[in-house]
Amino acid sequence: MKGDVETYHQDGEWKNKIEGETEPLGTGYATKADAAAEGRKLAIERKVEHFIRNMDGTIGERNTYTGHDPRNIPG
């Protein structure tokens, strides 16, 4: 969704961007873990979802930081 944070691999680097925008945020990262940590911070600040893609572009992890967990699981 537009405005969510996406962590992805491109041109030998891990990057973050806001979905709906074309340019990555900041500089690239050498590791997926470093990029994901920064992407997580951005998603928490913006209260949006964070998508972490695998090398092949598929979604490997998805986290919601909106404060409105769509699941209603008691206990």
N, C-alpha and C. Protein backbone atom coordinates (compact mmCIF):
# COMPACT_ATOMS: atom_id res chain seq x y z
N MET A 1 0.83 -1.16 0.00
CA MET A 1 0.00 0.00 0.00
C MET A 1 0.89 1.24 0.00
N LYS A 2 0.44 2.27 -0.61
CA LYS A 2 1.19 3.51 -0.71
C LYS A 2 1.50 4.03 0.70
N GLY A 3 2.76 4.37 0.94
CA GLY A 3 3.18 4.89 2.23
C GLY A 3 3.85 3.87 3.11
N ASP A 4 3.69 2.58 2.81
CA ASP A 4 4.35 1.54 3.60
C ASP A 4 5.85 1.55 3.30
N VAL A 5 6.62 0.95 4.18
CA VAL A 5 8.08 0.88 4.02
C VAL A 5 8.44 -0.49 3.43
N GLU A 6 9.32 -0.47 2.46
CA GLU A 6 9.76 -1.70 1.80
C GLU A 6 11.28 -1.81 1.87
N THR A 7 11.78 -2.95 2.32
CA THR A 7 13.21 -3.25 2.32
C THR A 7 13.45 -4.24 1.19
N TYR A 8 14.40 -3.95 0.32
CA TYR A 8 14.61 -4.79 -0.88
C TYR A 8 16.07 -4.76 -1.31
N HIS A 9 16.43 -5.69 -2.19
CA HIS A 9 17.79 -5.78 -2.71
C HIS A 9 17.82 -5.30 -4.15
N GLN A 10 18.80 -4.43 -4.44
CA GLN A 10 18.95 -3.92 -5.80
C GLN A 10 20.39 -3.47 -6.02
N ASP A 11 20.94 -3.82 -7.14
CA ASP A 11 22.29 -3.40 -7.52
C ASP A 11 23.34 -3.72 -6.46
N GLY A 12 23.23 -4.90 -5.85
CA GLY A 12 24.23 -5.34 -4.88
C GLY A 12 24.11 -4.74 -3.49
N GLU A 13 23.03 -4.01 -3.24
CA GLU A 13 22.83 -3.38 -1.94
C GLU A 13 21.40 -3.62 -1.45
N TRP A 14 21.23 -3.57 -0.13
CA TRP A 14 19.90 -3.61 0.48
C TRP A 14 19.46 -2.17 0.69
N LYS A 15 18.20 -1.88 0.35
CA LYS A 15 17.69 -0.51 0.40
C LYS A 15 16.31 -0.47 1.03
N ASN A 16 15.90 0.72 1.41
CA ASN A 16 14.56 0.97 1.90
C ASN A 16 13.92 2.05 1.05
N LYS A 17 12.62 1.95 0.88
CA LYS A 17 11.90 3.02 0.21
C LYS A 17 10.47 3.04 0.73
N ILE A 18 9.83 4.16 0.49
CA ILE A 18 8.42 4.31 0.81
C ILE A 18 7.65 3.86 -0.43
N GLU A 19 6.74 2.92 -0.27
CA GLU A 19 5.98 2.43 -1.42
C GLU A 19 5.20 3.57 -2.05
N GLY A 20 5.25 3.61 -3.35
CA GLY A 20 4.61 4.67 -4.11
C GLY A 20 5.61 5.71 -4.58
N GLU A 21 6.83 5.68 -4.02
CA GLU A 21 7.90 6.58 -4.43
C GLU A 21 8.94 5.78 -5.20
N THR A 22 9.67 6.45 -6.06
CA THR A 22 10.61 5.74 -6.92
C THR A 22 12.02 5.68 -6.35
N GLU A 23 12.42 6.65 -5.55
CA GLU A 23 13.79 6.72 -5.04
C GLU A 23 13.92 6.05 -3.68
N PRO A 24 15.03 5.33 -3.47
CA PRO A 24 15.27 4.74 -2.15
C PRO A 24 15.57 5.83 -1.12
N LEU A 25 15.38 5.48 0.15
CA LEU A 25 15.68 6.40 1.24
C LEU A 25 17.15 6.25 1.64
N GLY A 26 17.87 7.33 1.74
CA GLY A 26 19.25 7.28 2.19
C GLY A 26 20.14 6.47 1.28
N THR A 27 21.15 5.87 1.89
CA THR A 27 22.12 5.08 1.13
C THR A 27 21.80 3.60 1.27
N GLY A 28 22.48 2.78 0.50
CA GLY A 28 22.29 1.34 0.57
C GLY A 28 23.01 0.74 1.77
N TYR A 29 22.65 -0.49 2.10
CA TYR A 29 23.23 -1.21 3.23
C TYR A 29 23.90 -2.48 2.73
N ALA A 30 24.96 -2.89 3.39
CA ALA A 30 25.68 -4.09 2.99
C ALA A 30 24.91 -5.35 3.35
N THR A 31 24.11 -5.30 4.43
CA THR A 31 23.38 -6.49 4.85
C THR A 31 21.88 -6.25 4.92
N LYS A 32 21.16 -7.33 4.74
CA LYS A 32 19.70 -7.29 4.85
C LYS A 32 19.28 -6.89 6.26
N ALA A 33 19.99 -7.40 7.25
CA ALA A 33 19.65 -7.10 8.65
C ALA A 33 19.76 -5.61 8.96
N ASP A 34 20.81 -4.95 8.46
CA ASP A 34 20.97 -3.52 8.70
C ASP A 34 19.86 -2.71 8.03
N ALA A 35 19.55 -3.06 6.79
CA ALA A 35 18.49 -2.36 6.08
C ALA A 35 17.13 -2.60 6.74
N ALA A 36 16.88 -3.83 7.16
CA ALA A 36 15.61 -4.17 7.79
C ALA A 36 15.44 -3.43 9.12
N ALA A 37 16.52 -3.30 9.88
CA ALA A 37 16.45 -2.58 11.17
C ALA A 37 16.08 -1.12 10.94
N GLU A 38 16.68 -0.50 9.95
CA GLU A 38 16.35 0.89 9.64
C GLU A 38 14.93 1.01 9.08
N GLY A 39 14.55 0.06 8.23
CA GLY A 39 13.18 0.05 7.69
C GLY A 39 12.14 -0.11 8.79
N ARG A 40 12.45 -0.96 9.77
CA ARG A 40 11.55 -1.17 10.91
C ARG A 40 11.34 0.13 11.67
N LYS A 41 12.45 0.86 11.93
CA LYS A 41 12.34 2.15 12.63
C LYS A 41 11.44 3.11 11.87
N LEU A 42 11.63 3.18 10.56
CA LEU A 42 10.81 4.07 9.74
C LEU A 42 9.33 3.68 9.79
N ALA A 43 9.05 2.39 9.70
CA ALA A 43 7.67 1.92 9.72
C ALA A 43 7.01 2.21 11.07
N ILE A 44 7.75 2.05 12.15
CA ILE A 44 7.21 2.34 13.48
C ILE A 44 6.91 3.83 13.61
N GLU A 45 7.84 4.67 13.16
CA GLU A 45 7.64 6.13 13.21
C GLU A 45 6.44 6.56 12.39
N ARG A 46 6.28 5.96 11.22
CA ARG A 46 5.19 6.33 10.30
C ARG A 46 3.88 5.60 10.59
N LYS A 47 3.94 4.58 11.48
CA LYS A 47 2.78 3.75 11.81
C LYS A 47 2.18 3.11 10.56
N VAL A 48 3.05 2.40 9.83
CA VAL A 48 2.65 1.73 8.59
C VAL A 48 3.16 0.30 8.60
N GLU A 49 2.94 -0.42 7.51
CA GLU A 49 3.46 -1.78 7.38
C GLU A 49 4.89 -1.76 6.85
N HIS A 50 5.63 -2.82 7.16
CA HIS A 50 7.01 -2.96 6.69
C HIS A 50 7.12 -4.29 5.97
N PHE A 51 7.47 -4.23 4.71
CA PHE A 51 7.66 -5.42 3.88
C PHE A 51 9.15 -5.64 3.70
N ILE A 52 9.62 -6.84 4.01
CA ILE A 52 11.03 -7.18 3.82
C ILE A 52 11.08 -8.25 2.73
N ARG A 53 11.68 -7.89 1.62
CA ARG A 53 11.73 -8.80 0.47
C ARG A 53 12.98 -9.67 0.51
N ASN A 54 12.88 -10.84 -0.09
CA ASN A 54 14.02 -11.74 -0.27
C ASN A 54 14.81 -11.27 -1.49
N MET A 55 15.95 -11.89 -1.72
CA MET A 55 16.78 -11.54 -2.88
C MET A 55 16.02 -11.66 -4.20
N ASP A 56 15.09 -12.63 -4.27
CA ASP A 56 14.36 -12.84 -5.52
C ASP A 56 13.14 -11.92 -5.67
N GLY A 57 12.93 -11.03 -4.70
CA GLY A 57 11.84 -10.07 -4.79
C GLY A 57 10.55 -10.50 -4.10
N THR A 58 10.47 -11.76 -3.68
CA THR A 58 9.27 -12.22 -2.98
C THR A 58 9.26 -11.65 -1.56
N ILE A 59 8.09 -11.51 -0.98
CA ILE A 59 7.98 -11.00 0.37
C ILE A 59 8.38 -12.09 1.35
N GLY A 60 9.40 -11.84 2.15
CA GLY A 60 9.88 -12.81 3.12
C GLY A 60 9.29 -12.56 4.50
N GLU A 61 8.96 -11.29 4.77
CA GLU A 61 8.43 -10.93 6.08
C GLU A 61 7.57 -9.69 5.93
N ARG A 62 6.53 -9.63 6.74
CA ARG A 62 5.62 -8.48 6.70
C ARG A 62 5.20 -8.18 8.13
N ASN A 63 5.39 -6.93 8.55
CA ASN A 63 5.05 -6.53 9.91
C ASN A 63 4.18 -5.29 9.88
N THR A 64 3.21 -5.23 10.77
CA THR A 64 2.31 -4.11 10.86
C THR A 64 2.62 -3.32 12.12
N TYR A 65 2.81 -2.02 11.96
CA TYR A 65 3.09 -1.14 13.09
C TYR A 65 2.06 -0.03 13.19
N THR A 66 0.84 -0.30 12.76
CA THR A 66 -0.21 0.71 12.78
C THR A 66 -0.86 0.85 14.13
N GLY A 67 -0.68 -0.13 14.99
CA GLY A 67 -1.36 -0.11 16.28
C GLY A 67 -2.74 -0.71 16.20
N HIS A 68 -3.12 -1.14 15.00
CA HIS A 68 -4.43 -1.74 14.76
C HIS A 68 -4.24 -3.12 14.17
N ASP A 69 -3.86 -4.06 14.99
CA ASP A 69 -3.64 -5.43 14.53
C ASP A 69 -4.95 -5.98 13.99
N PRO A 70 -4.99 -6.39 12.72
CA PRO A 70 -6.25 -6.88 12.13
C PRO A 70 -6.73 -8.20 12.72
N ARG A 71 -5.84 -8.89 13.42
CA ARG A 71 -6.24 -10.15 14.02
C ARG A 71 -6.91 -9.87 15.37
N ASN A 72 -7.95 -10.59 15.66
CA ASN A 72 -8.64 -10.45 16.93
C ASN A 72 -8.54 -11.77 17.66
N ILE A 73 -7.36 -12.02 18.23
CA ILE A 73 -7.10 -13.30 18.87
C ILE A 73 -7.09 -13.09 20.37
N PRO A 74 -8.07 -13.68 21.09
CA PRO A 74 -8.08 -13.51 22.54
C PRO A 74 -6.92 -14.25 23.20
N GLY A 75 -6.45 -13.69 24.35
CA GLY A 75 -5.44 -14.35 25.17
C GLY A 75 -4.14 -14.34 24.55
